[in-house]
Amino acid sequence: MVRLELSLALVCATRSLAYIQYSTVTGYFLQDDNSTNATFFDYTATNFGLINQSYPTDPKKAAPLTQWQRFALVVSSLNANAPKNVDYKVLFAGRHGEGWHNAAESYYGTPAWNCDWSLLDGNKTAIWSDAHLTQKGIDQALKANAFWKSRIQSEKIPTPESYYTSPLYRCLATANLTFSGLPLPAKHPFIPTVKNKLREGISEHTCDRRSNKTYIQNSFPTYRIERGFTEYDELWTGVTAETSSAQDLRSKELLDDIFSHDCSTYLSFTAHSGEIASLLRVLGHRAFSLSTGAVIPVLIKAETIDPAAATSTISAASWTPSPHCTVPPVTSVSGGANGGCVCPNGVAPVITSLPPFPT
């Protein structure tokens, strides 16, 4: 066993020396199918979206096995028969429950939120800077907890072997509510690792600014915080926004880090709508938006190759200054020249001078 673990660790370590190309293996989940409408998708009504079907790996007497147990045999077979440079993992991507920033955007409307209110720490009744969960958000996380428990008991679903979470409070809390108290294997307990690059797309919105390291440690003392995690947020500036290409590069670096050092087959990410969308793009998955509190699994193929053989690469991209109004706007225009903000009385949005690019 010790030799096997050392061998696996060596295999993982060598992946960091080359380029890892990711793709989604389709045909197993409803969310992979273009005919599945994300707006009406309910992961609790569809067994996490796992399609009921037979597999070539089914044993002759497959009847006693659940759909998830049979799917686990497929994943095991894929890894057992894969070339040394190919690895298959199942990622459970979960979006945090509703936060106070979500509630505020619904209350004020998206134009006023994006161009004014989102720049503040909160109002007289709520704080949305590094937003906490609303009661609805707490209930959504508890719903996920109950569903996981039902899948473990009735479906014998393979539970995550490793857990990762965004450093933003709404994800830290959602992960805790989702997985605490579940009948998990003793060898794979719920001890998540906080990853700075798993955070939401970084804009000027205060809900994208993380709390300091000490606060996170004190609030969630059983969590691991990755090495190099700074005391204060060095990425959020309040005046610059991360472009989609910059976020995709960050998501690729996150996946490379985890796939190079973690040989677990089943992973859990607790993240955000924008970050999950970015991860799906990097994984070659179809666009699939998640409602607050929702979870989808993705079967991932990771192929370690020579960088020169990569069919698609993600290069660095600059951040942009973020315009805003000094008072709530009347409306906004998608993709407009002024960042979409249309301020009252014809006043042009404020565009703050660009500070140094975050590294």
Protein backbone atom coordinates (compact mmCIF):
# COMPACT_ATOMS: atom_id res chain seq x y z
CA MET A 1 0.00 0.00 0.00
CA VAL A 2 2.82 2.41 0.87
CA ARG A 3 4.53 1.70 -2.46
CA LEU A 4 1.26 2.31 -4.31
CA GLU A 5 0.71 5.65 -2.56
CA LEU A 6 4.27 6.74 -3.34
CA SER A 7 3.80 5.70 -6.95
CA LEU A 8 0.58 7.69 -7.25
CA ALA A 9 2.23 10.71 -5.65
CA LEU A 10 5.05 10.49 -8.18
CA VAL A 11 2.57 10.33 -11.06
CA CYS A 12 0.75 13.40 -9.75
CA ALA A 13 4.01 15.30 -9.30
CA THR A 14 5.13 14.67 -12.89
CA ARG A 15 1.96 16.30 -14.22
CA SER A 16 3.24 19.68 -13.10
CA LEU A 17 6.12 19.33 -15.59
CA ALA A 18 3.90 19.38 -18.68
CA TYR A 19 0.65 20.80 -20.00
CA ILE A 20 -2.63 19.37 -18.72
CA GLN A 21 -5.44 19.42 -21.26
CA TYR A 22 -8.94 19.01 -19.88
CA SER A 23 -12.14 17.79 -21.47
CA THR A 24 -15.58 16.70 -20.28
CA VAL A 25 -16.60 13.09 -20.87
CA THR A 26 -20.23 13.36 -21.95
CA GLY A 27 -23.05 10.85 -22.07
CA TYR A 28 -23.41 10.21 -18.35
CA PHE A 29 -25.18 13.29 -16.98
CA LEU A 30 -28.25 15.22 -18.09
CA GLN A 31 -26.38 18.50 -17.72
CA ASP A 32 -24.00 17.36 -20.50
CA ASP A 33 -26.94 17.12 -22.92
CA ASN A 34 -27.75 20.26 -24.90
CA SER A 35 -31.46 19.47 -24.61
CA THR A 36 -31.39 19.88 -20.82
CA ASN A 37 -32.62 23.33 -19.78
CA ALA A 38 -30.48 24.66 -16.95
CA THR A 39 -33.25 27.03 -15.82
CA PHE A 40 -35.57 24.17 -14.89
CA PHE A 41 -32.94 21.62 -13.86
CA ASP A 42 -33.37 20.23 -10.33
CA TYR A 43 -30.42 18.17 -9.16
CA THR A 44 -32.44 16.66 -6.30
CA ALA A 45 -35.12 15.36 -8.66
CA THR A 46 -32.65 13.78 -11.08
CA ASN A 47 -30.10 11.95 -8.90
CA PHE A 48 -27.55 14.73 -9.51
CA GLY A 49 -28.40 14.39 -13.20
CA LEU A 50 -26.99 10.86 -13.54
CA ILE A 51 -28.68 9.20 -16.53
CA ASN A 52 -30.31 5.82 -15.91
CA GLN A 53 -28.63 3.48 -18.38
CA SER A 54 -26.60 0.31 -18.67
CA TYR A 55 -22.82 0.26 -19.08
CA PRO A 56 -20.38 -2.20 -20.66
CA THR A 57 -18.78 -2.49 -17.22
CA ASP A 58 -22.00 -3.71 -15.57
CA PRO A 59 -21.54 -7.11 -13.91
CA LYS A 60 -23.73 -9.99 -15.10
CA LYS A 61 -25.93 -9.56 -12.06
CA ALA A 62 -26.14 -5.74 -11.98
CA ALA A 63 -29.62 -5.59 -10.46
CA PRO A 64 -28.43 -5.30 -6.82
CA LEU A 65 -26.24 -2.31 -7.71
CA THR A 66 -27.50 1.26 -7.77
CA GLN A 67 -26.96 3.57 -10.73
CA TRP A 68 -24.19 5.39 -8.85
CA GLN A 69 -22.43 2.15 -7.93
CA ARG A 70 -22.49 1.11 -11.57
CA PHE A 71 -21.21 4.52 -12.65
CA ALA A 72 -18.36 4.17 -10.14
CA LEU A 73 -17.36 0.95 -11.92
CA VAL A 74 -17.21 2.91 -15.18
CA VAL A 75 -14.90 5.51 -13.64
CA SER A 76 -12.68 2.81 -12.13
CA SER A 77 -12.46 1.06 -15.49
CA LEU A 78 -11.58 4.29 -17.30
CA ASN A 79 -8.70 4.94 -14.92
CA ALA A 80 -7.53 1.32 -14.90
CA ASN A 81 -7.34 1.21 -18.70
CA ALA A 82 -6.12 4.75 -19.31
CA PRO A 83 -2.62 5.55 -20.58
CA LYS A 84 -0.20 6.80 -17.93
CA ASN A 85 -0.70 10.39 -19.05
CA VAL A 86 -4.52 10.30 -18.71
CA ASP A 87 -6.55 10.64 -15.54
CA TYR A 88 -10.30 10.68 -14.94
CA LYS A 89 -11.93 12.50 -12.03
CA VAL A 90 -15.49 13.26 -10.99
CA LEU A 91 -15.99 16.84 -9.84
CA PHE A 92 -19.04 17.81 -7.78
CA ALA A 93 -19.34 21.54 -8.43
CA GLY A 94 -21.65 23.25 -5.94
CA ARG A 95 -22.74 26.87 -5.92
CA HIS A 96 -23.12 28.62 -2.57
CA GLY A 97 -26.56 29.28 -1.13
CA GLU A 98 -28.18 32.68 -1.51
CA GLY A 99 -26.07 35.46 0.00
CA TRP A 100 -27.06 38.96 1.03
CA HIS A 101 -25.52 40.29 -2.19
CA ASN A 102 -27.91 38.09 -4.20
CA ALA A 103 -30.85 39.38 -2.18
CA ALA A 104 -29.69 42.99 -2.62
CA GLU A 105 -29.40 42.65 -6.39
CA SER A 106 -32.93 41.21 -6.52
CA TYR A 107 -34.20 44.08 -4.35
CA TYR A 108 -32.51 46.98 -6.16
CA GLY A 109 -32.50 45.50 -9.65
CA THR A 110 -29.43 44.58 -11.68
CA PRO A 111 -28.72 48.06 -13.20
CA ALA A 112 -28.70 49.85 -9.85
CA TRP A 113 -26.80 46.97 -8.26
CA ASN A 114 -24.03 46.72 -10.85
CA CYS A 115 -23.44 50.43 -11.25
CA ASP A 116 -23.91 51.72 -7.70
CA TRP A 117 -25.05 49.60 -4.75
CA SER A 118 -22.56 46.79 -5.33
CA LEU A 119 -19.73 49.24 -4.63
CA LEU A 120 -20.93 49.75 -1.06
CA ASP A 121 -20.42 47.45 1.92
CA GLY A 122 -24.17 47.30 2.55
CA ASN A 123 -27.22 49.36 3.47
CA LYS A 124 -28.99 50.09 6.76
CA THR A 125 -30.35 46.54 7.07
CA ALA A 126 -27.81 44.21 5.45
CA ILE A 127 -24.08 43.82 4.81
CA TRP A 128 -23.03 42.26 1.52
CA SER A 129 -19.28 42.86 1.60
CA ASP A 130 -17.97 39.27 1.58
CA ALA A 131 -21.63 38.35 1.96
CA HIS A 132 -22.94 35.86 4.49
CA LEU A 133 -25.86 33.54 3.72
CA THR A 134 -29.45 34.63 4.03
CA GLN A 135 -31.89 32.26 5.72
CA LYS A 136 -32.89 31.10 2.24
CA GLY A 137 -29.23 30.40 1.50
CA ILE A 138 -28.87 28.41 4.72
CA ASP A 139 -31.95 26.38 3.80
CA GLN A 140 -30.52 25.68 0.34
CA ALA A 141 -27.29 24.34 1.85
CA LEU A 142 -29.26 22.18 4.28
CA LYS A 143 -31.28 20.87 1.34
CA ALA A 144 -28.02 19.80 -0.29
CA ASN A 145 -26.97 18.13 2.98
CA ALA A 146 -30.22 16.16 3.14
CA PHE A 147 -29.89 15.12 -0.50
CA TRP A 148 -26.30 13.96 -0.03
CA LYS A 149 -27.44 11.92 2.95
CA SER A 150 -30.19 10.29 0.90
CA ARG A 151 -27.77 9.45 -1.93
CA ILE A 152 -25.27 7.94 0.50
CA GLN A 153 -27.91 5.80 2.13
CA SER A 154 -29.99 4.73 -0.88
CA GLU A 155 -27.58 5.03 -3.81
CA LYS A 156 -24.23 4.26 -2.14
CA ILE A 157 -22.88 7.25 -4.05
CA PRO A 158 -19.10 7.69 -3.98
CA THR A 159 -18.52 10.64 -1.67
CA PRO A 160 -15.78 13.20 -2.29
CA GLU A 161 -12.31 12.18 -1.27
CA SER A 162 -11.11 15.78 -1.26
CA TYR A 163 -12.98 19.01 -0.57
CA TYR A 164 -12.09 22.50 -1.80
CA THR A 165 -13.82 25.80 -1.19
CA SER A 166 -13.63 29.42 -2.21
CA PRO A 167 -12.29 31.76 0.51
CA LEU A 168 -15.44 33.88 0.40
CA TYR A 169 -17.66 33.45 3.46
CA ARG A 170 -20.80 32.34 1.62
CA CYS A 171 -18.90 29.35 0.22
CA LEU A 172 -17.12 28.54 3.48
CA ALA A 173 -20.50 28.43 5.23
CA THR A 174 -22.26 26.53 2.43
CA ALA A 175 -19.59 23.81 2.41
CA ASN A 176 -19.90 23.43 6.18
CA LEU A 177 -23.69 23.17 6.12
CA THR A 178 -23.66 20.82 3.12
CA PHE A 179 -21.20 18.21 4.35
CA SER A 180 -21.14 18.38 8.16
CA GLY A 181 -22.81 15.46 9.90
CA LEU A 182 -22.89 13.16 6.87
CA PRO A 183 -21.92 9.47 7.23
CA LEU A 184 -18.61 9.93 5.41
CA PRO A 185 -15.79 7.36 5.27
CA ALA A 186 -13.27 7.77 8.09
CA LYS A 187 -10.42 7.90 5.57
CA HIS A 188 -12.03 10.79 3.68
CA PRO A 189 -13.48 13.16 6.31
CA PHE A 190 -14.87 16.58 5.53
CA ILE A 191 -11.79 18.77 5.98
CA PRO A 192 -11.90 21.25 3.09
CA THR A 193 -8.97 23.20 1.74
CA VAL A 194 -9.50 26.92 1.16
CA LYS A 195 -8.21 27.85 -2.31
CA ASN A 196 -7.81 31.52 -3.21
CA LYS A 197 -8.16 30.85 -6.95
CA LEU A 198 -11.56 29.16 -6.47
CA ARG A 199 -13.17 32.52 -5.67
CA GLU A 200 -15.74 34.38 -7.73
CA GLY A 201 -14.74 36.48 -10.72
CA ILE A 202 -13.15 39.58 -9.22
CA SER A 203 -14.90 42.86 -9.94
CA GLU A 204 -15.19 46.15 -8.09
CA HIS A 205 -18.15 44.72 -6.16
CA THR A 206 -17.46 44.47 -2.44
CA CYS A 207 -19.01 40.99 -2.37
CA ASP A 208 -15.94 39.83 -4.32
CA ARG A 209 -13.52 41.00 -1.60
CA ARG A 210 -12.51 38.22 0.77
CA SER A 211 -12.04 38.59 4.51
CA ASN A 212 -8.58 38.33 6.03
CA LYS A 213 -6.94 35.00 6.76
CA THR A 214 -7.24 35.31 10.54
CA TYR A 215 -11.00 35.85 10.32
CA ILE A 216 -11.38 32.78 8.09
CA GLN A 217 -9.28 30.64 10.44
CA ASN A 218 -11.24 31.77 13.48
CA SER A 219 -14.61 31.25 11.78
CA PHE A 220 -13.78 27.79 10.38
CA PRO A 221 -10.98 26.38 12.54
CA THR A 222 -11.15 22.85 11.08
CA TYR A 223 -10.56 24.05 7.52
CA ARG A 224 -7.14 23.87 5.91
CA ILE A 225 -5.87 27.04 4.26
CA GLU A 226 -3.54 26.54 1.33
CA ARG A 227 0.11 27.50 1.59
CA GLY A 228 0.85 31.04 0.45
CA PHE A 229 -2.59 32.37 1.41
CA THR A 230 -1.99 36.01 2.37
CA GLU A 231 -3.45 37.70 5.44
CA TYR A 232 -5.20 40.35 3.37
CA ASP A 233 -6.82 40.18 -0.05
CA GLU A 234 -4.21 41.25 -2.58
CA LEU A 235 -6.39 40.69 -5.67
CA TRP A 236 -9.44 42.86 -5.00
CA THR A 237 -8.76 46.55 -5.72
CA GLY A 238 -12.26 48.05 -5.86
CA VAL A 239 -11.59 49.72 -9.21
CA THR A 240 -10.58 46.92 -11.58
CA ALA A 241 -12.45 43.93 -12.94
CA GLU A 242 -11.09 40.55 -13.96
CA THR A 243 -11.92 39.75 -17.59
CA SER A 244 -13.38 36.36 -18.53
CA SER A 245 -10.11 35.32 -20.14
CA ALA A 246 -8.17 36.31 -17.01
CA GLN A 247 -10.59 34.32 -14.87
CA ASP A 248 -10.31 31.28 -17.15
CA LEU A 249 -6.53 31.43 -16.81
CA ARG A 250 -6.93 31.50 -13.02
CA SER A 251 -9.35 28.54 -13.17
CA LYS A 252 -6.88 26.59 -15.34
CA GLU A 253 -4.10 27.28 -12.83
CA LEU A 254 -6.38 26.10 -10.00
CA LEU A 255 -7.18 22.84 -11.81
CA ASP A 256 -3.53 22.30 -12.69
CA ASP A 257 -2.53 22.76 -9.06
CA ILE A 258 -5.13 20.28 -7.79
CA PHE A 259 -4.70 17.69 -10.54
CA SER A 260 -0.91 17.82 -10.13
CA HIS A 261 -0.97 17.21 -6.38
CA ASP A 262 -4.22 15.42 -5.55
CA CYS A 263 -4.68 11.88 -6.84
CA SER A 264 -8.24 11.62 -5.51
CA THR A 265 -10.85 10.51 -8.04
CA TYR A 266 -13.85 12.27 -6.48
CA LEU A 267 -13.58 15.98 -5.72
CA SER A 268 -15.92 18.62 -4.32
CA PHE A 269 -15.65 22.33 -5.20
CA THR A 270 -17.86 24.83 -3.37
CA ALA A 271 -17.73 27.99 -5.46
CA HIS A 272 -19.74 30.65 -7.28
CA SER A 273 -21.87 30.99 -10.41
CA GLY A 274 -19.20 32.91 -12.31
CA GLU A 275 -16.33 30.70 -11.18
CA ILE A 276 -18.20 27.48 -11.96
CA ALA A 277 -19.01 28.90 -15.40
CA SER A 278 -15.30 29.59 -15.89
CA LEU A 279 -14.33 26.09 -14.76
CA LEU A 280 -16.85 24.59 -17.18
CA ARG A 281 -15.33 26.59 -20.02
CA VAL A 282 -11.85 25.32 -19.16
CA LEU A 283 -13.21 21.77 -18.93
CA GLY A 284 -14.88 22.01 -22.34
CA HIS A 285 -18.31 21.55 -20.77
CA ARG A 286 -21.38 23.21 -22.26
CA ALA A 287 -22.52 26.39 -20.54
CA PHE A 288 -24.76 25.40 -17.64
CA SER A 289 -25.80 28.02 -15.09
CA LEU A 290 -26.46 26.90 -11.53
CA SER A 291 -29.05 28.42 -9.22
CA THR A 292 -27.94 29.25 -5.69
CA GLY A 293 -27.33 26.07 -3.71
CA ALA A 294 -27.33 23.78 -6.76
CA VAL A 295 -24.78 21.01 -7.45
CA ILE A 296 -23.73 19.22 -10.64
CA PRO A 297 -21.16 16.47 -11.18
CA VAL A 298 -18.78 16.53 -14.16
CA LEU A 299 -16.70 13.59 -15.43
CA ILE A 300 -13.32 15.05 -16.36
CA LYS A 301 -10.57 13.67 -18.57
CA ALA A 302 -7.16 15.21 -17.83
CA GLU A 303 -4.45 14.47 -20.37
CA THR A 304 -0.86 15.42 -19.61
CA ILE A 305 0.87 16.31 -22.87
CA ASP A 306 3.76 18.22 -24.34
CA PRO A 307 2.79 21.93 -24.36
CA ALA A 308 3.51 22.06 -28.09
CA ALA A 309 0.77 19.47 -28.69
CA ALA A 310 -1.96 21.40 -26.85
CA THR A 311 -5.01 22.01 -29.03
CA SER A 312 -6.17 24.97 -26.95
CA THR A 313 -4.35 27.24 -24.53
CA ILE A 314 -5.37 30.11 -22.27
CA SER A 315 -3.09 33.12 -22.19
CA ALA A 316 -2.90 35.97 -19.70
CA ALA A 317 -5.27 38.89 -20.12
CA SER A 318 -5.30 42.34 -18.59
CA TRP A 319 -7.85 43.51 -16.07
CA THR A 320 -9.99 46.54 -16.88
CA PRO A 321 -10.98 49.68 -14.97
CA SER A 322 -14.58 49.49 -13.82
CA PRO A 323 -16.97 52.40 -14.45
CA HIS A 324 -19.79 53.22 -12.04
CA CYS A 325 -22.34 55.91 -11.28
CA THR A 326 -22.16 58.21 -8.27
CA VAL A 327 -25.91 57.71 -7.74
CA PRO A 328 -28.13 54.76 -8.70
CA PRO A 329 -28.54 54.57 -12.50
CA VAL A 330 -31.86 54.58 -14.28
CA THR A 331 -30.86 51.66 -16.48
CA SER A 332 -27.90 49.78 -17.88
CA VAL A 333 -26.95 48.49 -21.31
CA SER A 334 -25.38 45.07 -21.74
CA GLY A 335 -21.85 45.45 -23.05
CA GLY A 336 -22.14 49.22 -23.38
CA ALA A 337 -19.17 51.52 -23.95
CA ASN A 338 -19.37 52.76 -20.35
CA GLY A 339 -19.46 49.31 -18.83
CA GLY A 340 -23.22 49.19 -19.30
CA CYS A 341 -23.91 51.95 -16.74
CA VAL A 342 -26.32 54.67 -17.88
CA CYS A 343 -26.30 57.35 -15.18
CA PRO A 344 -29.11 59.89 -14.49
CA ASN A 345 -29.18 63.28 -16.23
CA GLY A 346 -26.80 62.13 -18.93
CA VAL A 347 -23.81 62.11 -16.60
CA ALA A 348 -21.11 59.74 -17.78
CA PRO A 349 -20.02 56.95 -15.42
CA VAL A 350 -16.93 57.48 -13.34
CA ILE A 351 -13.93 55.48 -14.53
CA THR A 352 -11.25 55.32 -11.87
CA SER A 353 -7.62 55.37 -13.01
CA LEU A 354 -6.16 51.91 -13.43
CA PRO A 355 -3.92 50.76 -10.55
CA PRO A 356 -1.14 48.19 -10.97
CA PHE A 357 -2.35 44.84 -12.33
CA PRO A 358 -2.86 42.30 -9.50
CA THR A 359 -0.42 39.39 -9.55
